[in-house]
Amino acid sequence: MLVEFHVVPVGKGESMGDEIARVLDIVERSGLPYRVNPMGTVIEGQWDEVIGVIKRCHDEVLKSAPRVISSITIDDRPSRPMDRITEKVRSIEKRLGRELEK
């Protein structure tokens, strides 16, 4: 499954860089495939492992913020093999006949 998520600390002011860095450290240490984008992170794996990583990220941000809002979008397609994190983009590039900006 692919999961896009973001974790937003509330009540900490405008800057979220420190919290985002700690979240991405957790994601990277998980060993799951992931891609960072300007508005969130996409990770790929099985349900329990992906949700476990997101919970650890949420809990980490909650350590330094009085309130945390986490949003999760799940694309679950069990009939497809892993590496959808890359293959979904390749599929669109094939249709366009060119590479997309990364």
C-alpha atoms as a PDB file:
ATOM      1  CA  MET A   1       0.000   0.000   0.000  1.00  0.00           C
ATOM      2  CA  LEU A   2       0.990   3.591  -0.565  1.00  0.00           C
ATOM      3  CA  VAL A   3       0.262   6.121   2.145  1.00  0.00           C
ATOM      4  CA  GLU A   4       0.719   9.852   1.912  1.00  0.00           C
ATOM      5  CA  PHE A   5       0.709  11.635   5.234  1.00  0.00           C
ATOM      6  CA  HIS A   6       1.603  14.828   6.941  1.00  0.00           C
ATOM      7  CA  VAL A   7       1.863  15.723  10.592  1.00  0.00           C
ATOM      8  CA  VAL A   8       1.222  19.323  11.609  1.00  0.00           C
ATOM      9  CA  PRO A   9       2.145  20.711  15.016  1.00  0.00           C
ATOM     10  CA  VAL A  10      -0.372  23.283  16.233  1.00  0.00           C
ATOM     11  CA  GLY A  11       0.521  26.003  18.711  1.00  0.00           C
ATOM     12  CA  LYS A  12       4.235  26.133  17.875  1.00  0.00           C
ATOM     13  CA  GLY A  13       4.336  29.193  15.608  1.00  0.00           C
ATOM     14  CA  GLU A  14       4.930  29.314  11.876  1.00  0.00           C
ATOM     15  CA  SER A  15       8.093  27.222  11.567  1.00  0.00           C
ATOM     16  CA  MET A  16       7.779  23.425  11.505  1.00  0.00           C
ATOM     17  CA  GLY A  17      11.286  22.556  10.295  1.00  0.00           C
ATOM     18  CA  ASP A  18      12.503  20.932  13.495  1.00  0.00           C
ATOM     19  CA  GLU A  19       9.429  18.709  13.789  1.00  0.00           C
ATOM     20  CA  ILE A  20       9.567  17.764  10.099  1.00  0.00           C
ATOM     21  CA  ALA A  21      13.228  16.811  10.434  1.00  0.00           C
ATOM     22  CA  ARG A  22      12.426  14.505  13.355  1.00  0.00           C
ATOM     23  CA  VAL A  23       9.523  12.949  11.416  1.00  0.00           C
ATOM     24  CA  LEU A  24      11.685  12.291   8.369  1.00  0.00           C
ATOM     25  CA  ASP A  25      14.360  10.738  10.561  1.00  0.00           C
ATOM     26  CA  ILE A  26      11.756   8.251  11.828  1.00  0.00           C
ATOM     27  CA  VAL A  27      10.569   7.531   8.272  1.00  0.00           C
ATOM     28  CA  GLU A  28      14.103   7.012   6.992  1.00  0.00           C
ATOM     29  CA  ARG A  29      15.074   4.754   9.901  1.00  0.00           C
ATOM     30  CA  SER A  30      11.983   2.610   9.260  1.00  0.00           C
ATOM     31  CA  GLY A  31      13.634   1.177   6.155  1.00  0.00           C
ATOM     32  CA  LEU A  32      10.418   1.543   4.151  1.00  0.00           C
ATOM     33  CA  PRO A  33      10.560   3.089   0.680  1.00  0.00           C
ATOM     34  CA  TYR A  34       9.493   6.742   0.827  1.00  0.00           C
ATOM     35  CA  ARG A  35       9.395   9.997  -1.115  1.00  0.00           C
ATOM     36  CA  VAL A  36       9.295  13.442   0.398  1.00  0.00           C
ATOM     37  CA  ASN A  37       7.338  16.209  -1.287  1.00  0.00           C
ATOM     38  CA  PRO A  38       6.809  19.826  -0.226  1.00  0.00           C
ATOM     39  CA  MET A  39       3.463  19.046   1.424  1.00  0.00           C
ATOM     40  CA  GLY A  40       3.989  15.609   2.932  1.00  0.00           C
ATOM     41  CA  THR A  41       5.602  12.209   2.640  1.00  0.00           C
ATOM     42  CA  VAL A  42       4.622   9.039   0.766  1.00  0.00           C
ATOM     43  CA  ILE A  43       5.680   5.688   2.222  1.00  0.00           C
ATOM     44  CA  GLU A  44       5.129   2.183   0.916  1.00  0.00           C
ATOM     45  CA  GLY A  45       4.687  -1.024   2.850  1.00  0.00           C
ATOM     46  CA  GLN A  46       2.233  -3.306   4.583  1.00  0.00           C
ATOM     47  CA  TRP A  47      -0.614  -1.892   6.676  1.00  0.00           C
ATOM     48  CA  ASP A  48       0.821  -2.534  10.142  1.00  0.00           C
ATOM     49  CA  GLU A  49       4.306  -1.288   9.358  1.00  0.00           C
ATOM     50  CA  VAL A  50       3.134   1.877   7.567  1.00  0.00           C
ATOM     51  CA  ILE A  51       0.592   2.798  10.233  1.00  0.00           C
ATOM     52  CA  GLY A  52       3.189   2.067  12.919  1.00  0.00           C
ATOM     53  CA  VAL A  53       5.629   4.533  11.341  1.00  0.00           C
ATOM     54  CA  ILE A  54       2.948   7.211  11.074  1.00  0.00           C
ATOM     55  CA  LYS A  55       1.979   6.695  14.722  1.00  0.00           C
ATOM     56  CA  ARG A  56       5.615   7.086  15.796  1.00  0.00           C
ATOM     57  CA  CYS A  57       5.829  10.309  13.750  1.00  0.00           C
ATOM     58  CA  HIS A  58       2.606  11.677  15.266  1.00  0.00           C
ATOM     59  CA  ASP A  59       3.763  10.808  18.798  1.00  0.00           C
ATOM     60  CA  GLU A  60       7.169  12.410  18.197  1.00  0.00           C
ATOM     61  CA  VAL A  61       5.651  15.728  17.140  1.00  0.00           C
ATOM     62  CA  LEU A  62       3.244  15.584  20.080  1.00  0.00           C
ATOM     63  CA  LYS A  63       6.284  15.694  22.392  1.00  0.00           C
ATOM     64  CA  SER A  64       6.945  19.316  21.399  1.00  0.00           C
ATOM     65  CA  ALA A  65       3.533  20.672  20.404  1.00  0.00           C
ATOM     66  CA  PRO A  66       0.384  21.062  22.482  1.00  0.00           C
ATOM     67  CA  ARG A  67      -1.717  19.790  19.573  1.00  0.00           C
ATOM     68  CA  VAL A  68      -0.998  17.727  16.441  1.00  0.00           C
ATOM     69  CA  ILE A  69      -3.095  17.167  13.342  1.00  0.00           C
ATOM     70  CA  SER A  70      -2.161  14.205  11.139  1.00  0.00           C
ATOM     71  CA  SER A  71      -3.720  13.526   7.752  1.00  0.00           C
ATOM     72  CA  ILE A  72      -3.430  10.188   5.961  1.00  0.00           C
ATOM     73  CA  THR A  73      -4.380   9.196   2.405  1.00  0.00           C
ATOM     74  CA  ILE A  74      -4.212   5.470   1.658  1.00  0.00           C
ATOM     75  CA  ASP A  75      -3.946   3.814  -1.762  1.00  0.00           C
ATOM     76  CA  ASP A  76      -4.372   0.107  -1.094  1.00  0.00           C
ATOM     77  CA  ARG A  77      -4.170  -2.138  -4.160  1.00  0.00           C
ATOM     78  CA  PRO A  78      -3.145  -5.605  -2.970  1.00  0.00           C
ATOM     79  CA  SER A  79      -3.209  -7.074  -6.481  1.00  0.00           C
ATOM     80  CA  ARG A  80      -0.231  -4.925  -7.479  1.00  0.00           C
ATOM     81  CA  PRO A  81       3.356  -5.674  -6.512  1.00  0.00           C
ATOM     82  CA  MET A  82       5.468  -3.454  -4.294  1.00  0.00           C
ATOM     83  CA  ASP A  83       7.462  -0.553  -5.789  1.00  0.00           C
ATOM     84  CA  ARG A  84       4.300   1.296  -6.707  1.00  0.00           C
ATOM     85  CA  ILE A  85       5.952   4.372  -5.238  1.00  0.00           C
ATOM     86  CA  THR A  86       8.069   4.455  -8.422  1.00  0.00           C
ATOM     87  CA  GLU A  87       5.869   2.588 -10.872  1.00  0.00           C
ATOM     88  CA  LYS A  88       2.893   4.962 -10.573  1.00  0.00           C
ATOM     89  CA  VAL A  89       5.055   7.855 -11.749  1.00  0.00           C
ATOM     90  CA  ARG A  90       6.634   5.769 -14.528  1.00  0.00           C
ATOM     91  CA  SER A  91       3.170   4.830 -15.761  1.00  0.00           C
ATOM     92  CA  ILE A  92       2.230   8.486 -16.211  1.00  0.00           C
ATOM     93  CA  GLU A  93       5.571   9.306 -17.827  1.00  0.00           C
ATOM     94  CA  LYS A  94       4.992   6.485 -20.326  1.00  0.00           C
ATOM     95  CA  ARG A  95       1.602   7.930 -21.214  1.00  0.00           C
ATOM     96  CA  LEU A  96       3.112  11.394 -21.647  1.00  0.00           C
ATOM     97  CA  GLY A  97       6.135  10.143 -23.565  1.00  0.00           C
ATOM     98  CA  ARG A  98       8.514  12.087 -21.338  1.00  0.00           C
ATOM     99  CA  GLU A  99       9.936  12.211 -17.837  1.00  0.00           C
ATOM    100  CA  LEU A 100       8.288  14.403 -15.255  1.00  0.00           C
ATOM    101  CA  GLU A 101      10.235  16.886 -13.183  1.00  0.00           C
ATOM    102  CA  LYS A 102      11.380  15.308  -9.953  1.00  0.00           C
END
